[in-house]
Amino acid sequence: MKIIIAPAKKMIVDTDTFNYEQLPEFLDSSRLILSEMKKLDYKEAKILWKCSDKLARNNFEWLQKMELNKHLTPALIAFSGIQYQYMAPDLFTEPALDYVRKNLRILSGFYGILRPFDGVVPYRLEMQSELEVPGFKNLYNLWGSRIYQALSSDSEPIVNLASQEYAKTVTPYLLSGQRFVTVVFGSIVDGKLRTKATLAKMARGEMVRFMAENNIKDINEIKQFDNPDWQFSQQDSIDERIVFIHQKR
C-alpha cells in the first residue's frame, strides 16, 4: 500500500529533530526548475506564486540564494502546514516512523515525489503553477508518468489523501485494476456534502498518524479511524471513495 499526500506552502529548516536519509530521486529535474525560477524578476515571481507582497519579497530573496544540497531537512519535518501539524511526525514511535518510511509519499511540484526522509530545502511552487521549463509547457508535462512510476512498482493499492491538484499526477497512469481510494473528509452544508479545506487538512494529517500508529495494511481498516470529530459514512462511500463526515459539537 502507498499513501499520497500533498505538500504544504509553509516550510521550515530543522536539521535537529531527524537526520535526512537520502536525496530526492529527481533532484536533477529540481535543479532545472530552480534554474528557470531564478531567471524570473520579482514581478514575474509574484505572479507565479499568487501571494502577497510580504510573502513574495521573502520568497524572492530566498530564491536568489537557494541551494539544493545544504541545510537539508527531512521532508516529513520540513513541511509545517496544518496537515503536518496535526500529523505530528516528531511524536511518532519508531514503528510508526518505519511505517511512513515504507508507505507514505509526498507529491511536490518542485521535487516531483518525496520519501518522508528525503532531504529538502524550503521552496514555494505549486504543481499547478504556470511555470514553463525548456521542453515542457508546465509542471504536469515535465513530471509526466515519473511520479507514478516512483510511487508504485506494481499494482499495489494507493490511498489518496492529497488534493485533486496533486492526485492527478498519478491517476492517468494507474494500472488496469489497480485500486486508487480517495479518503474524503466532508461537512454537511445545506444538506450537501462539502469539503472545508482547513478541516480536511487537519483530518488528513490525523489519518496519516492513525494509519502509522495502527500499522494499517488493509484499506478497509481505514474505516475504523477513531476520531470523535469524524464519523465514517457507509451510505456516502463507494469502493473507491471512503467518506467521513464532520460531527458538529
Protein backbone atom coordinates (compact mmCIF):
# COMPACT_ATOMS: atom_id res chain seq x y z
CA MET A 1 0.00 0.00 0.00
CA LYS A 2 1.10 3.54 -0.73
CA ILE A 3 -0.37 6.71 0.78
CA ILE A 4 -0.08 10.01 -1.08
CA ILE A 5 -0.36 13.46 0.47
CA ALA A 6 0.14 17.00 -0.78
CA PRO A 7 2.98 19.25 0.37
CA ALA A 8 2.43 22.46 2.35
CA LYS A 9 3.29 26.03 1.41
CA LYS A 10 4.71 26.65 4.87
CA MET A 11 8.16 25.11 5.32
CA ILE A 12 10.93 25.23 7.91
CA VAL A 13 14.58 24.27 8.25
CA ASP A 14 15.10 21.73 11.05
CA THR A 15 18.33 19.78 10.99
CA ASP A 16 17.98 18.55 14.60
CA THR A 17 14.75 16.55 15.01
CA PHE A 18 15.66 13.82 12.47
CA ASN A 19 18.53 13.27 10.07
CA TYR A 20 17.69 13.09 6.40
CA GLU A 21 18.41 9.69 4.85
CA GLN A 22 18.75 10.30 1.12
CA LEU A 23 18.37 12.93 -1.57
CA PRO A 24 15.17 13.28 -3.61
CA GLU A 25 15.00 10.90 -6.55
CA PHE A 26 14.51 13.56 -9.22
CA LEU A 27 16.95 16.19 -7.95
CA ASP A 28 18.27 16.88 -11.47
CA SER A 29 14.78 17.99 -12.52
CA SER A 30 14.53 20.16 -9.42
CA ARG A 31 17.78 21.85 -10.42
CA LEU A 32 16.29 22.54 -13.85
CA ILE A 33 13.17 24.05 -12.29
CA LEU A 34 15.25 26.15 -9.91
CA SER A 35 17.35 27.45 -12.79
CA GLU A 36 14.20 28.66 -14.56
CA MET A 37 12.76 30.20 -11.40
CA LYS A 38 15.95 32.18 -10.80
CA LYS A 39 15.50 33.79 -14.21
CA LEU A 40 12.26 35.42 -13.09
CA ASP A 41 12.23 39.02 -11.99
CA TYR A 42 10.29 39.97 -8.86
CA LYS A 43 7.06 40.83 -10.68
CA GLU A 44 7.10 37.54 -12.62
CA ALA A 45 7.80 35.54 -9.45
CA LYS A 46 4.95 37.24 -7.57
CA ILE A 47 2.55 36.40 -10.41
CA LEU A 48 3.76 32.79 -10.37
CA TRP A 49 3.28 32.49 -6.62
CA LYS A 50 -0.02 34.39 -6.45
CA CYS A 51 0.75 35.71 -2.99
CA SER A 52 1.04 38.96 -1.04
CA ASP A 53 3.95 41.36 -1.43
CA LYS A 54 5.26 40.41 2.01
CA LEU A 55 5.39 36.70 1.16
CA ALA A 56 6.67 37.35 -2.35
CA ARG A 57 9.53 39.54 -1.10
CA ASN A 58 10.68 36.96 1.42
CA ASN A 59 10.43 34.10 -1.08
CA PHE A 60 12.16 36.09 -3.83
CA GLU A 61 15.09 36.88 -1.53
CA TRP A 62 15.32 33.20 -0.56
CA LEU A 63 15.13 32.11 -4.19
CA GLN A 64 18.26 34.08 -5.09
CA LYS A 65 20.42 32.19 -2.57
CA MET A 66 18.63 28.85 -2.67
CA GLU A 67 20.86 25.76 -2.87
CA LEU A 68 19.63 22.19 -3.04
CA ASN A 69 22.41 20.44 -1.16
CA LYS A 70 22.86 22.49 2.02
CA HIS A 71 21.00 22.60 5.35
CA LEU A 72 18.67 19.77 4.37
CA THR A 73 15.59 18.87 6.40
CA PRO A 74 13.69 15.55 6.11
CA ALA A 75 10.58 16.26 4.03
CA LEU A 76 8.22 14.98 6.71
CA ILE A 77 9.52 17.67 9.07
CA ALA A 78 10.24 20.41 6.51
CA PHE A 79 6.57 20.83 5.58
CA SER A 80 4.87 22.50 8.52
CA GLY A 81 1.37 23.43 7.34
CA ILE A 82 -1.86 22.41 9.07
CA GLN A 83 -1.85 18.82 7.77
CA TYR A 84 1.65 18.21 9.06
CA GLN A 85 0.98 19.89 12.41
CA TYR A 86 -1.92 17.52 13.00
CA MET A 87 0.13 14.57 11.81
CA ALA A 88 2.80 15.47 14.42
CA PRO A 89 5.53 13.22 12.98
CA ASP A 90 8.04 14.37 15.61
CA LEU A 91 5.98 12.39 18.14
CA PHE A 92 5.86 9.15 16.13
CA THR A 93 7.11 5.93 17.66
CA GLU A 94 9.85 4.03 15.83
CA PRO A 95 7.33 1.54 14.34
CA ALA A 96 5.21 4.47 13.10
CA LEU A 97 8.27 6.09 11.53
CA ASP A 98 9.09 2.79 9.82
CA TYR A 99 5.51 2.64 8.54
CA VAL A 100 5.60 6.07 6.90
CA ARG A 101 9.10 5.43 5.60
CA LYS A 102 7.73 2.44 3.69
CA ASN A 103 4.25 3.64 2.76
CA LEU A 104 3.96 7.44 2.74
CA ARG A 105 4.90 9.64 -0.22
CA ILE A 106 4.65 13.42 -0.56
CA LEU A 107 3.88 14.79 -4.01
CA SER A 108 5.62 18.03 -4.97
CA GLY A 109 5.67 20.45 -7.86
CA PHE A 110 9.33 21.19 -7.19
CA TYR A 111 10.68 17.74 -6.26
CA GLY A 112 8.14 15.51 -8.02
CA ILE A 113 7.79 12.90 -5.29
CA LEU A 114 9.40 12.67 -1.87
CA ARG A 115 10.01 9.91 0.62
CA PRO A 116 9.50 11.08 4.21
CA PHE A 117 13.22 11.30 4.96
CA ASP A 118 14.44 12.80 1.70
CA GLY A 119 16.48 15.92 2.43
CA VAL A 120 14.85 19.08 1.10
CA VAL A 121 15.09 22.86 1.33
CA PRO A 122 12.17 25.31 1.60
CA TYR A 123 10.63 26.28 -1.72
CA ARG A 124 7.43 27.86 -3.00
CA LEU A 125 5.97 26.23 -6.09
CA GLU A 126 2.59 24.55 -6.51
CA MET A 127 2.05 21.76 -9.00
CA GLN A 128 -0.44 23.84 -10.99
CA SER A 129 1.88 26.88 -11.17
CA GLU A 130 2.25 28.29 -14.67
CA LEU A 131 5.98 27.76 -14.99
CA GLU A 132 7.45 26.80 -18.32
CA VAL A 133 10.62 24.74 -18.31
CA PRO A 134 12.54 24.19 -21.58
CA GLY A 135 10.79 21.40 -23.46
CA PHE A 136 7.75 21.35 -21.15
CA LYS A 137 4.71 23.62 -21.12
CA ASN A 138 4.01 23.11 -17.39
CA LEU A 139 4.97 21.01 -14.38
CA TYR A 140 2.44 18.26 -15.11
CA ASN A 141 4.06 17.89 -18.51
CA LEU A 142 7.56 17.89 -17.01
CA TRP A 143 6.83 15.19 -14.44
CA GLY A 144 4.70 13.07 -16.76
CA SER A 145 4.48 9.48 -15.55
CA ARG A 146 7.63 9.64 -13.42
CA ILE A 147 5.79 10.41 -10.18
CA TYR A 148 3.58 7.36 -10.61
CA GLN A 149 6.49 5.14 -11.60
CA ALA A 150 8.42 6.15 -8.50
CA LEU A 151 5.33 5.71 -6.34
CA SER A 152 4.18 2.27 -7.42
CA SER A 153 6.25 -0.50 -8.96
CA ASP A 154 3.31 -2.89 -9.24
CA SER A 155 -0.47 -2.86 -8.86
CA GLU A 156 -0.44 -2.18 -5.09
CA PRO A 157 -3.39 -0.11 -3.81
CA ILE A 158 -2.96 3.64 -3.35
CA VAL A 159 -4.69 5.64 -0.63
CA ASN A 160 -5.25 9.21 -1.75
CA LEU A 161 -5.06 11.86 0.96
CA ALA A 162 -3.88 14.53 -1.47
CA SER A 163 -5.77 17.37 -3.12
CA GLN A 164 -7.01 16.98 -6.69
CA GLU A 165 -4.17 19.22 -7.91
CA TYR A 166 -1.66 16.58 -6.84
CA ALA A 167 -3.71 13.39 -7.22
CA LYS A 168 -4.00 13.95 -10.96
CA THR A 169 -0.24 13.44 -11.33
CA VAL A 170 -0.99 9.79 -10.52
CA THR A 171 -4.46 8.88 -11.79
CA PRO A 172 -3.75 8.92 -15.55
CA TYR A 173 -1.09 6.23 -15.13
CA LEU A 174 -2.81 3.70 -12.87
CA LEU A 175 -2.53 0.10 -13.98
CA SER A 176 -5.67 -1.73 -15.03
CA GLY A 177 -7.46 -2.95 -11.92
CA GLN A 178 -5.22 -1.02 -9.52
CA ARG A 179 -7.15 0.37 -6.56
CA PHE A 180 -6.96 4.11 -6.01
CA VAL A 181 -9.04 5.01 -2.97
CA THR A 182 -9.69 8.63 -2.06
CA VAL A 183 -10.45 9.42 1.58
CA VAL A 184 -12.94 12.29 1.76
CA PHE A 185 -13.45 14.44 4.85
CA GLY A 186 -16.64 16.43 4.33
CA SER A 187 -19.13 18.59 6.15
CA ILE A 188 -22.89 18.74 5.63
CA VAL A 189 -23.73 22.24 4.37
CA ASP A 190 -27.34 22.97 3.38
CA GLY A 191 -27.94 19.25 3.11
CA LYS A 192 -24.98 18.62 0.82
CA LEU A 193 -21.54 17.14 1.43
CA ARG A 194 -18.87 19.84 1.11
CA THR A 195 -15.15 19.83 1.79
CA LYS A 196 -13.89 22.59 4.07
CA ALA A 197 -10.20 22.97 3.32
CA THR A 198 -8.89 23.60 6.83
CA LEU A 199 -10.90 20.80 8.44
CA ALA A 200 -9.88 18.40 5.67
CA LYS A 201 -6.19 19.24 6.10
CA MET A 202 -6.42 18.61 9.85
CA ALA A 203 -8.15 15.27 9.27
CA ARG A 204 -5.70 14.12 6.60
CA GLY A 205 -2.82 14.66 8.99
CA GLU A 206 -4.63 12.80 11.75
CA MET A 207 -5.43 9.97 9.32
CA VAL A 208 -1.75 9.51 8.45
CA ARG A 209 -0.95 9.33 12.16
CA PHE A 210 -3.79 6.83 12.74
CA MET A 211 -2.58 4.61 9.91
CA ALA A 212 1.05 4.77 11.06
CA GLU A 213 0.32 4.13 14.74
CA ASN A 214 -2.01 1.22 13.94
CA ASN A 215 0.09 -0.28 11.13
CA ILE A 216 -2.85 -0.19 8.72
CA LYS A 217 -2.32 -2.66 5.87
CA ASP A 218 -5.87 -3.22 4.63
CA ILE A 219 -7.81 -0.32 3.10
CA ASN A 220 -10.99 -1.41 4.88
CA GLU A 221 -9.25 -0.77 8.21
CA ILE A 222 -9.21 2.94 7.36
CA LYS A 223 -12.94 2.98 8.15
CA GLN A 224 -12.02 2.36 11.81
CA PHE A 225 -10.49 5.87 12.09
CA ASP A 226 -11.43 6.69 15.68
CA ASN A 227 -11.54 10.47 15.82
CA PRO A 228 -14.54 11.92 17.69
CA ASP A 229 -14.81 14.78 15.18
CA TRP A 230 -15.35 12.43 12.23
CA GLN A 231 -17.78 9.61 11.55
CA PHE A 232 -17.50 7.08 8.75
CA SER A 233 -20.44 7.31 6.34
CA GLN A 234 -21.34 3.99 4.78
CA GLN A 235 -24.08 5.50 2.62
CA ASP A 236 -21.77 8.11 1.07
CA SER A 237 -18.87 5.72 0.49
CA ILE A 238 -18.17 3.56 -2.55
CA ASP A 239 -15.34 1.16 -3.36
CA GLU A 240 -13.01 3.94 -4.49
CA ARG A 241 -14.11 6.60 -2.01
CA ILE A 242 -14.19 6.40 1.79
CA VAL A 243 -16.19 9.25 3.30
CA PHE A 244 -16.04 10.68 6.79
CA ILE A 245 -18.49 13.39 7.91
CA HIS A 246 -17.55 16.11 10.37
CA GLN A 247 -19.51 15.97 13.61
CA LYS A 248 -20.54 19.42 14.88
CA ARG A 249 -20.21 19.85 18.62
